[in-house]
Amino acid sequence: MKVENMNLVRHGQGDSPIRIRVPCHPCMLRGATLVETIVACVLVTSVMSVFATAVVRAGRLQQSMRHERLAMDEADNQLAWLVSQPTDRLSVGLAHMQPSEILLGAIPLAQVSGRAQPADQGLRVTVRVIWNPRSTPPAQVARSTWVPLSPGLPTSGSSGP
């Protein structure tokens, strides 16, 4: 067997040589086979689908965290407003709680509720913000604080929804 230019010459049975064209240099290999092309397309498609799924999940997680942060801010603001009110007007404030325009602009289905329960030396006031009520379980945030009782107020029962 000997190589002449780009031809592999192999002598078979008898004196008739069999010539097989083989490139001598890797630069001379041109094109790709159909199998190589299909394998490359499958790999690229697989990587793209995994990447696209990760991008969508990251976007959903970012939106969820943004909504949770807004709900926590709303609960903190509502709680601070309730605590600043006189204790005898606390039940009126709890009954008339409404979500702010900022929260409703970002989360249209947000709901705010409050509740006061008796505690050892005062009232435990809890504000709850619920959004996305269609999901199971609905997304929610609750914040609580304790308010000392003014003299002459009852210590039993709860108020608010």
N, C-alpha and C. Protein backbone atom coordinates (compact mmCIF):
# COMPACT_ATOMS: atom_id res chain seq x y z
N MET A 1 0.85 -1.15 0.00
CA MET A 1 0.00 0.00 0.00
C MET A 1 0.90 1.22 0.00
N LYS A 2 0.65 2.19 -0.89
CA LYS A 2 1.42 3.41 -0.93
C LYS A 2 0.50 4.58 -1.27
N VAL A 3 0.91 5.79 -0.84
CA VAL A 3 0.12 6.99 -1.06
C VAL A 3 0.73 7.78 -2.19
N GLU A 4 -0.07 8.12 -3.18
CA GLU A 4 0.35 8.95 -4.28
C GLU A 4 -0.56 10.16 -4.31
N ASN A 5 -0.01 11.34 -4.05
CA ASN A 5 -0.78 12.59 -3.96
C ASN A 5 -1.95 12.40 -2.97
N MET A 6 -3.16 12.36 -3.44
CA MET A 6 -4.31 12.18 -2.56
C MET A 6 -4.95 10.82 -2.78
N ASN A 7 -4.29 9.95 -3.40
CA ASN A 7 -4.86 8.65 -3.69
C ASN A 7 -4.14 7.58 -2.89
N LEU A 8 -4.92 6.73 -2.29
CA LEU A 8 -4.36 5.58 -1.60
C LEU A 8 -4.42 4.43 -2.60
N VAL A 9 -3.30 3.93 -2.88
CA VAL A 9 -3.25 2.86 -3.87
C VAL A 9 -3.01 1.56 -3.12
N ARG A 10 -3.88 0.65 -3.30
CA ARG A 10 -3.74 -0.65 -2.64
C ARG A 10 -3.88 -1.71 -3.72
N HIS A 11 -3.01 -2.58 -3.67
CA HIS A 11 -3.06 -3.64 -4.68
C HIS A 11 -3.88 -4.78 -4.12
N GLY A 12 -4.88 -5.12 -4.88
CA GLY A 12 -5.74 -6.23 -4.47
C GLY A 12 -5.21 -7.52 -5.03
N GLN A 13 -6.08 -8.41 -5.28
CA GLN A 13 -5.67 -9.69 -5.84
C GLN A 13 -5.31 -9.48 -7.30
N GLY A 14 -4.27 -9.96 -7.62
CA GLY A 14 -3.81 -9.79 -8.99
C GLY A 14 -3.04 -8.49 -9.10
N ASP A 15 -2.94 -7.99 -10.29
CA ASP A 15 -2.16 -6.78 -10.52
C ASP A 15 -3.00 -5.52 -10.61
N SER A 16 -4.33 -5.58 -10.50
CA SER A 16 -5.15 -4.38 -10.65
C SER A 16 -5.19 -3.60 -9.31
N PRO A 17 -4.68 -2.36 -9.32
CA PRO A 17 -4.68 -1.56 -8.07
C PRO A 17 -6.07 -0.97 -7.80
N ILE A 18 -6.40 -0.84 -6.53
CA ILE A 18 -7.65 -0.20 -6.10
C ILE A 18 -7.28 1.19 -5.60
N ARG A 19 -7.89 2.20 -6.20
CA ARG A 19 -7.57 3.57 -5.80
C ARG A 19 -8.72 4.13 -4.95
N ILE A 20 -8.37 4.64 -3.77
CA ILE A 20 -9.32 5.28 -2.86
C ILE A 20 -8.84 6.70 -2.65
N ARG A 21 -9.73 7.65 -2.87
CA ARG A 21 -9.35 9.05 -2.72
C ARG A 21 -9.44 9.42 -1.24
N VAL A 22 -8.31 9.78 -0.63
CA VAL A 22 -8.22 10.16 0.77
C VAL A 22 -7.49 11.48 0.85
N PRO A 23 -8.07 12.50 1.51
CA PRO A 23 -7.38 13.77 1.63
C PRO A 23 -6.18 13.62 2.55
N CYS A 24 -5.09 14.26 2.19
CA CYS A 24 -3.86 14.18 2.97
C CYS A 24 -3.82 15.22 4.08
N HIS A 25 -4.54 16.29 3.94
CA HIS A 25 -4.46 17.40 4.90
C HIS A 25 -5.86 17.67 5.46
N PRO A 26 -6.02 17.99 6.78
CA PRO A 26 -7.35 18.23 7.35
C PRO A 26 -8.08 19.42 6.73
N CYS A 27 -7.34 20.39 6.20
CA CYS A 27 -7.99 21.54 5.57
C CYS A 27 -8.71 21.13 4.30
N MET A 28 -8.37 20.01 3.79
CA MET A 28 -8.99 19.58 2.55
C MET A 28 -10.34 18.91 2.78
N LEU A 29 -10.69 18.63 4.06
CA LEU A 29 -12.01 18.07 4.36
C LEU A 29 -13.03 19.20 4.24
N ARG A 30 -13.98 19.07 3.41
CA ARG A 30 -14.97 20.12 3.18
C ARG A 30 -16.35 19.58 3.46
N GLY A 31 -17.21 20.49 4.02
CA GLY A 31 -18.59 20.10 4.25
C GLY A 31 -18.74 19.24 5.49
N ALA A 32 -19.95 18.90 5.77
CA ALA A 32 -20.25 18.04 6.91
C ALA A 32 -21.28 17.03 6.47
N THR A 33 -21.25 15.95 7.14
CA THR A 33 -22.21 14.92 6.79
C THR A 33 -23.57 15.29 7.36
N LEU A 34 -24.59 14.67 6.89
CA LEU A 34 -25.95 14.93 7.36
C LEU A 34 -26.09 14.57 8.83
N VAL A 35 -25.46 13.51 9.26
CA VAL A 35 -25.53 13.09 10.67
C VAL A 35 -24.90 14.15 11.56
N GLU A 36 -23.75 14.67 11.18
CA GLU A 36 -23.10 15.70 11.98
C GLU A 36 -23.97 16.95 12.08
N THR A 37 -24.62 17.32 11.00
CA THR A 37 -25.49 18.49 11.00
C THR A 37 -26.70 18.27 11.91
N ILE A 38 -27.30 17.11 11.85
CA ILE A 38 -28.46 16.82 12.70
C ILE A 38 -28.05 16.81 14.17
N VAL A 39 -26.94 16.21 14.50
CA VAL A 39 -26.46 16.18 15.88
C VAL A 39 -26.20 17.60 16.38
N ALA A 40 -25.60 18.43 15.57
CA ALA A 40 -25.34 19.82 15.97
C ALA A 40 -26.64 20.57 16.19
N CYS A 41 -27.62 20.36 15.31
CA CYS A 41 -28.92 21.03 15.48
C CYS A 41 -29.62 20.58 16.75
N VAL A 42 -29.56 19.29 17.05
CA VAL A 42 -30.19 18.77 18.27
C VAL A 42 -29.52 19.36 19.50
N LEU A 43 -28.21 19.43 19.51
CA LEU A 43 -27.50 20.01 20.66
C LEU A 43 -27.82 21.49 20.84
N VAL A 44 -27.82 22.24 19.77
CA VAL A 44 -28.13 23.67 19.85
C VAL A 44 -29.57 23.88 20.32
N THR A 45 -30.51 23.10 19.81
CA THR A 45 -31.90 23.21 20.23
C THR A 45 -32.07 22.86 21.70
N SER A 46 -31.39 21.83 22.15
CA SER A 46 -31.48 21.45 23.57
C SER A 46 -30.95 22.55 24.47
N VAL A 47 -29.82 23.11 24.14
CA VAL A 47 -29.24 24.18 24.95
C VAL A 47 -30.15 25.41 24.94
N MET A 48 -30.70 25.73 23.79
CA MET A 48 -31.59 26.89 23.70
C MET A 48 -32.87 26.68 24.52
N SER A 49 -33.43 25.48 24.53
CA SER A 49 -34.65 25.24 25.30
C SER A 49 -34.38 25.31 26.80
N VAL A 50 -33.26 24.79 27.25
CA VAL A 50 -32.90 24.89 28.67
C VAL A 50 -32.67 26.35 29.05
N PHE A 51 -31.99 27.08 28.22
CA PHE A 51 -31.73 28.49 28.49
C PHE A 51 -33.01 29.30 28.51
N ALA A 52 -33.91 29.06 27.56
CA ALA A 52 -35.18 29.80 27.51
C ALA A 52 -36.03 29.50 28.74
N THR A 53 -36.07 28.25 29.19
CA THR A 53 -36.81 27.89 30.39
C THR A 53 -36.24 28.60 31.60
N ALA A 54 -34.93 28.66 31.70
CA ALA A 54 -34.29 29.34 32.84
C ALA A 54 -34.59 30.84 32.82
N VAL A 55 -34.61 31.44 31.67
CA VAL A 55 -34.91 32.88 31.57
C VAL A 55 -36.35 33.16 31.99
N VAL A 56 -37.29 32.32 31.57
CA VAL A 56 -38.70 32.51 31.94
C VAL A 56 -38.88 32.34 33.45
N ARG A 57 -38.26 31.32 34.03
CA ARG A 57 -38.37 31.11 35.48
C ARG A 57 -37.75 32.26 36.25
N ALA A 58 -36.64 32.77 35.79
CA ALA A 58 -36.01 33.90 36.47
C ALA A 58 -36.90 35.13 36.41
N GLY A 59 -37.56 35.36 35.30
CA GLY A 59 -38.49 36.48 35.19
C GLY A 59 -39.67 36.34 36.13
N ARG A 60 -40.23 35.14 36.23
CA ARG A 60 -41.34 34.91 37.15
C ARG A 60 -40.91 35.09 38.60
N LEU A 61 -39.73 34.60 38.94
CA LEU A 61 -39.22 34.76 40.30
C LEU A 61 -38.99 36.22 40.63
N GLN A 62 -38.46 36.97 39.69
CA GLN A 62 -38.24 38.40 39.90
C GLN A 62 -39.56 39.12 40.12
N GLN A 63 -40.58 38.82 39.34
CA GLN A 63 -41.88 39.45 39.52
C GLN A 63 -42.49 39.07 40.86
N SER A 64 -42.36 37.81 41.25
CA SER A 64 -42.89 37.36 42.53
C SER A 64 -42.21 38.09 43.69
N MET A 65 -40.90 38.24 43.61
CA MET A 65 -40.16 38.95 44.67
C MET A 65 -40.55 40.43 44.71
N ARG A 66 -40.78 41.03 43.56
CA ARG A 66 -41.21 42.43 43.50
C ARG A 66 -42.57 42.60 44.17
N HIS A 67 -43.51 41.68 43.88
CA HIS A 67 -44.83 41.74 44.50
C HIS A 67 -44.74 41.53 46.00
N GLU A 68 -43.91 40.59 46.42
CA GLU A 68 -43.76 40.35 47.86
C GLU A 68 -43.18 41.57 48.57
N ARG A 69 -42.20 42.21 47.96
CA ARG A 69 -41.60 43.40 48.56
C ARG A 69 -42.63 44.53 48.68
N LEU A 70 -43.43 44.72 47.62
CA LEU A 70 -44.48 45.74 47.67
C LEU A 70 -45.52 45.41 48.75
N ALA A 71 -45.89 44.16 48.87
CA ALA A 71 -46.87 43.75 49.88
C ALA A 71 -46.32 43.97 51.29
N MET A 72 -45.05 43.67 51.51
CA MET A 72 -44.44 43.91 52.83
C MET A 72 -44.40 45.40 53.15
N ASP A 73 -44.05 46.21 52.16
CA ASP A 73 -44.04 47.66 52.37
C ASP A 73 -45.45 48.16 52.70
N GLU A 74 -46.44 47.65 52.00
CA GLU A 74 -47.82 48.06 52.25
C GLU A 74 -48.26 47.65 53.66
N ALA A 75 -47.95 46.42 54.06
CA ALA A 75 -48.32 45.97 55.40
C ALA A 75 -47.62 46.81 56.47
N ASP A 76 -46.35 47.11 56.27
CA ASP A 76 -45.62 47.95 57.22
C ASP A 76 -46.22 49.35 57.31
N ASN A 77 -46.56 49.94 56.18
CA ASN A 77 -47.16 51.28 56.16
C ASN A 77 -48.53 51.29 56.85
N GLN A 78 -49.35 50.30 56.55
CA GLN A 78 -50.68 50.22 57.17
C GLN A 78 -50.54 50.02 58.68
N LEU A 79 -49.60 49.18 59.09
CA LEU A 79 -49.39 48.92 60.51
C LEU A 79 -48.88 50.17 61.22
N ALA A 80 -47.98 50.89 60.60
CA ALA A 80 -47.47 52.13 61.19
C ALA A 80 -48.59 53.16 61.34
N TRP A 81 -49.48 53.24 60.34
CA TRP A 81 -50.60 54.17 60.43
C TRP A 81 -51.54 53.77 61.56
N LEU A 82 -51.84 52.46 61.69
CA LEU A 82 -52.74 52.00 62.75
C LEU A 82 -52.17 52.27 64.13
N VAL A 83 -50.88 52.05 64.31
CA VAL A 83 -50.24 52.25 65.61
C VAL A 83 -50.22 53.73 65.98
N SER A 84 -50.16 54.60 64.98
CA SER A 84 -50.12 56.03 65.27
C SER A 84 -51.49 56.57 65.69
N GLN A 85 -52.56 55.80 65.45
CA GLN A 85 -53.91 56.23 65.83
C GLN A 85 -54.13 55.99 67.32
N PRO A 86 -55.03 56.77 67.91
CA PRO A 86 -55.38 56.49 69.31
C PRO A 86 -55.97 55.08 69.44
N THR A 87 -55.74 54.45 70.56
CA THR A 87 -56.17 53.06 70.75
C THR A 87 -57.67 52.90 70.64
N ASP A 88 -58.43 53.89 71.07
CA ASP A 88 -59.89 53.76 71.00
C ASP A 88 -60.42 53.86 69.57
N ARG A 89 -59.63 54.35 68.64
CA ARG A 89 -60.05 54.44 67.23
C ARG A 89 -59.44 53.31 66.38
N LEU A 90 -58.75 52.39 67.02
CA LEU A 90 -58.08 51.30 66.31
C LEU A 90 -59.07 50.41 65.56
N SER A 91 -60.20 50.09 66.19
CA SER A 91 -61.16 49.20 65.53
C SER A 91 -61.78 49.86 64.30
N VAL A 92 -61.95 51.18 64.32
CA VAL A 92 -62.48 51.89 63.15
C VAL A 92 -61.46 51.85 62.01
N GLY A 93 -60.19 52.04 62.34
CA GLY A 93 -59.13 51.98 61.33
C GLY A 93 -59.00 50.59 60.71
N LEU A 94 -59.17 49.56 61.54
CA LEU A 94 -59.09 48.19 61.04
C LEU A 94 -60.26 47.86 60.10
N ALA A 95 -61.42 48.40 60.41
CA ALA A 95 -62.60 48.11 59.59
C ALA A 95 -62.56 48.81 58.24
N HIS A 96 -61.82 49.91 58.13
CA HIS A 96 -61.82 50.69 56.88
C HIS A 96 -60.48 50.63 56.14
N MET A 97 -59.75 49.56 56.29
CA MET A 97 -58.44 49.44 55.61
C MET A 97 -58.64 49.22 54.10
N GLN A 98 -57.89 49.96 53.31
CA GLN A 98 -57.91 49.85 51.86
C GLN A 98 -56.48 49.78 51.35
N PRO A 99 -56.22 49.02 50.29
CA PRO A 99 -54.86 49.03 49.71
C PRO A 99 -54.54 50.38 49.09
N SER A 100 -53.28 50.75 49.11
CA SER A 100 -52.86 52.03 48.54
C SER A 100 -52.92 51.98 47.02
N GLU A 101 -52.89 53.15 46.41
CA GLU A 101 -52.92 53.23 44.95
C GLU A 101 -51.65 52.64 44.34
N ILE A 102 -50.54 52.79 45.03
CA ILE A 102 -49.27 52.23 44.53
C ILE A 102 -49.37 50.72 44.46
N LEU A 103 -49.89 50.10 45.52
CA LEU A 103 -50.03 48.64 45.53
C LEU A 103 -51.02 48.18 44.48
N LEU A 104 -52.16 48.86 44.37
CA LEU A 104 -53.15 48.46 43.37
C LEU A 104 -52.65 48.69 41.95
N GLY A 105 -51.76 49.67 41.74
CA GLY A 105 -51.18 49.88 40.42
C GLY A 105 -50.28 48.73 40.00
N ALA A 106 -49.57 48.15 40.97
CA ALA A 106 -48.65 47.06 40.66
C ALA A 106 -49.33 45.69 40.74
N ILE A 107 -50.23 45.54 41.71
CA ILE A 107 -50.93 44.27 41.93
C ILE A 107 -52.42 44.57 41.99
N PRO A 108 -53.15 44.50 40.89
CA PRO A 108 -54.56 44.93 40.87
C PRO A 108 -55.48 44.15 41.81
N LEU A 109 -55.22 42.89 42.09
CA LEU A 109 -56.12 42.09 42.92
C LEU A 109 -55.72 42.05 44.39
N ALA A 110 -54.86 42.97 44.82
CA ALA A 110 -54.39 42.96 46.21
C ALA A 110 -55.51 43.32 47.17
N GLN A 111 -55.49 42.65 48.32
CA GLN A 111 -56.47 42.91 49.37
C GLN A 111 -55.71 43.12 50.68
N VAL A 112 -56.19 44.07 51.50
CA VAL A 112 -55.57 44.35 52.79
C VAL A 112 -56.62 44.13 53.87
N SER A 113 -56.24 43.40 54.91
CA SER A 113 -57.14 43.20 56.03
C SER A 113 -56.35 43.33 57.32
N GLY A 114 -57.05 43.64 58.39
CA GLY A 114 -56.40 43.80 59.67
C GLY A 114 -57.22 43.17 60.78
N ARG A 115 -56.54 42.88 61.88
CA ARG A 115 -57.21 42.23 62.99
C ARG A 115 -56.49 42.61 64.28
N ALA A 116 -57.25 42.82 65.33
CA ALA A 116 -56.70 43.10 66.64
C ALA A 116 -57.16 42.00 67.59
N GLN A 117 -56.20 41.42 68.30
CA GLN A 117 -56.51 40.36 69.25
C GLN A 117 -55.91 40.75 70.60
N PRO A 118 -56.56 40.36 71.69
CA PRO A 118 -56.00 40.68 72.99
C PRO A 118 -54.69 39.95 73.23
N ALA A 119 -53.76 40.63 73.84
CA ALA A 119 -52.47 40.06 74.21
C ALA A 119 -52.27 40.29 75.71
N ASP A 120 -51.11 39.95 76.23
CA ASP A 120 -50.86 40.04 77.67
C ASP A 120 -51.10 41.45 78.22
N GLN A 121 -50.49 42.44 77.63
CA GLN A 121 -50.60 43.79 78.16
C GLN A 121 -51.05 44.78 77.09
N GLY A 122 -51.90 44.35 76.21
CA GLY A 122 -52.37 45.23 75.16
C GLY A 122 -53.07 44.45 74.07
N LEU A 123 -52.90 44.92 72.85
CA LEU A 123 -53.50 44.29 71.69
C LEU A 123 -52.41 43.88 70.71
N ARG A 124 -52.63 42.73 70.10
CA ARG A 124 -51.76 42.30 69.01
C ARG A 124 -52.48 42.69 67.72
N VAL A 125 -51.88 43.60 66.96
CA VAL A 125 -52.48 44.08 65.72
C VAL A 125 -51.75 43.42 64.55
N THR A 126 -52.52 42.76 63.67
CA THR A 126 -51.95 42.07 62.52
C THR A 126 -52.55 42.63 61.25
N VAL A 127 -51.71 42.96 60.30
CA VAL A 127 -52.14 43.42 58.98
C VAL A 127 -51.71 42.36 57.98
N ARG A 128 -52.64 41.95 57.13
CA ARG A 128 -52.37 40.91 56.13
C ARG A 128 -52.65 41.47 54.74
N VAL A 129 -51.69 41.25 53.83
CA VAL A 129 -51.86 41.65 52.43
C VAL A 129 -51.90 40.36 51.61
N ILE A 130 -52.97 40.20 50.84
CA ILE A 130 -53.14 39.00 50.01
C ILE A 130 -53.17 39.46 48.55
N TRP A 131 -52.40 38.79 47.71
CA TRP A 131 -52.44 39.06 46.28
C TRP A 131 -52.45 37.73 45.55
N ASN A 132 -52.85 37.77 44.31
CA ASN A 132 -53.00 36.57 43.49
C ASN A 132 -53.89 35.54 44.18
N PRO A 133 -55.15 35.92 44.48
CA PRO A 133 -56.03 35.01 45.23
C PRO A 133 -56.44 33.77 44.45
N ARG A 134 -56.20 33.74 43.15
CA ARG A 134 -56.59 32.57 42.33
C ARG A 134 -55.64 31.40 42.51
N SER A 135 -54.41 31.68 42.98
CA SER A 135 -53.44 30.59 43.15
C SER A 135 -53.76 29.82 44.42
N THR A 136 -53.26 28.64 44.52
CA THR A 136 -53.48 27.81 45.69
C THR A 136 -52.13 27.46 46.30
N PRO A 137 -51.81 27.86 47.45
CA PRO A 137 -52.47 28.84 48.31
C PRO A 137 -52.20 30.25 47.80
N PRO A 138 -53.07 31.21 48.13
CA PRO A 138 -52.83 32.58 47.66
C PRO A 138 -51.59 33.17 48.31
N ALA A 139 -50.90 34.02 47.58
CA ALA A 139 -49.70 34.66 48.11
C ALA A 139 -50.13 35.70 49.14
N GLN A 140 -49.45 35.70 50.28
CA GLN A 140 -49.81 36.64 51.32
C GLN A 140 -48.62 36.97 52.21
N VAL A 141 -48.74 38.13 52.85
CA VAL A 141 -47.74 38.61 53.80
C VAL A 141 -48.50 39.13 55.00
N ALA A 142 -48.02 38.82 56.19
CA ALA A 142 -48.65 39.32 57.41
C ALA A 142 -47.59 39.98 58.29
N ARG A 143 -47.93 41.11 58.88
CA ARG A 143 -47.07 41.83 59.82
C ARG A 143 -47.86 42.07 61.09
N SER A 144 -47.20 41.94 62.24
CA SER A 144 -47.87 42.14 63.52
C SER A 144 -47.06 43.05 64.41
N THR A 145 -47.76 43.70 65.33
CA THR A 145 -47.12 44.49 66.37
C THR A 145 -48.04 44.49 67.59
N TRP A 146 -47.51 44.93 68.71
CA TRP A 146 -48.30 45.01 69.94
C TRP A 146 -48.52 46.46 70.29
N VAL A 147 -49.76 46.75 70.67
CA VAL A 147 -50.15 48.11 71.04
C VAL A 147 -50.59 48.08 72.49
N PRO A 148 -50.01 48.91 73.36
CA PRO A 148 -50.48 48.94 74.75
C PRO A 148 -51.89 49.51 74.83
N LEU A 149 -52.68 48.99 75.73
CA LEU A 149 -54.06 49.44 75.88
C LEU A 149 -54.14 50.75 76.65
N SER A 150 -55.06 51.58 76.22
CA SER A 150 -55.37 52.80 76.99
C SER A 150 -56.29 52.39 78.14
N PRO A 151 -56.24 53.08 79.26
CA PRO A 151 -57.12 52.71 80.37
C PRO A 151 -58.58 52.82 79.97
N GLY A 152 -59.39 51.86 80.42
CA GLY A 152 -60.82 51.90 80.17
C GLY A 152 -61.29 51.15 78.93
N LEU A 153 -60.36 50.54 78.16
CA LEU A 153 -60.77 49.77 76.95
C LEU A 153 -60.92 48.31 77.29
N PRO A 154 -61.86 47.63 76.65
CA PRO A 154 -62.04 46.19 76.92
C PRO A 154 -60.83 45.39 76.40
N THR A 155 -60.57 44.26 77.06
CA THR A 155 -59.43 43.43 76.66
C THR A 155 -59.85 42.14 76.01
N SER A 156 -61.14 41.90 75.78
CA SER A 156 -61.57 40.67 75.16
C SER A 156 -62.18 40.95 73.80
N GLY A 157 -62.19 39.92 72.96
CA GLY A 157 -62.77 40.05 71.63
C GLY A 157 -61.75 40.54 70.62
N SER A 158 -62.14 40.50 69.38
CA SER A 158 -61.27 40.97 68.31
C SER A 158 -62.09 41.83 67.37
N SER A 159 -61.40 42.65 66.62
CA SER A 159 -62.09 43.49 65.66
C SER A 159 -61.43 43.37 64.32
N GLY A 160 -62.15 43.76 63.31
CA GLY A 160 -61.61 43.68 61.95
C GLY A 160 -62.09 42.42 61.27
N PRO A 161 -61.88 42.35 59.97
CA PRO A 161 -62.35 41.18 59.21
C PRO A 161 -61.50 39.98 59.45
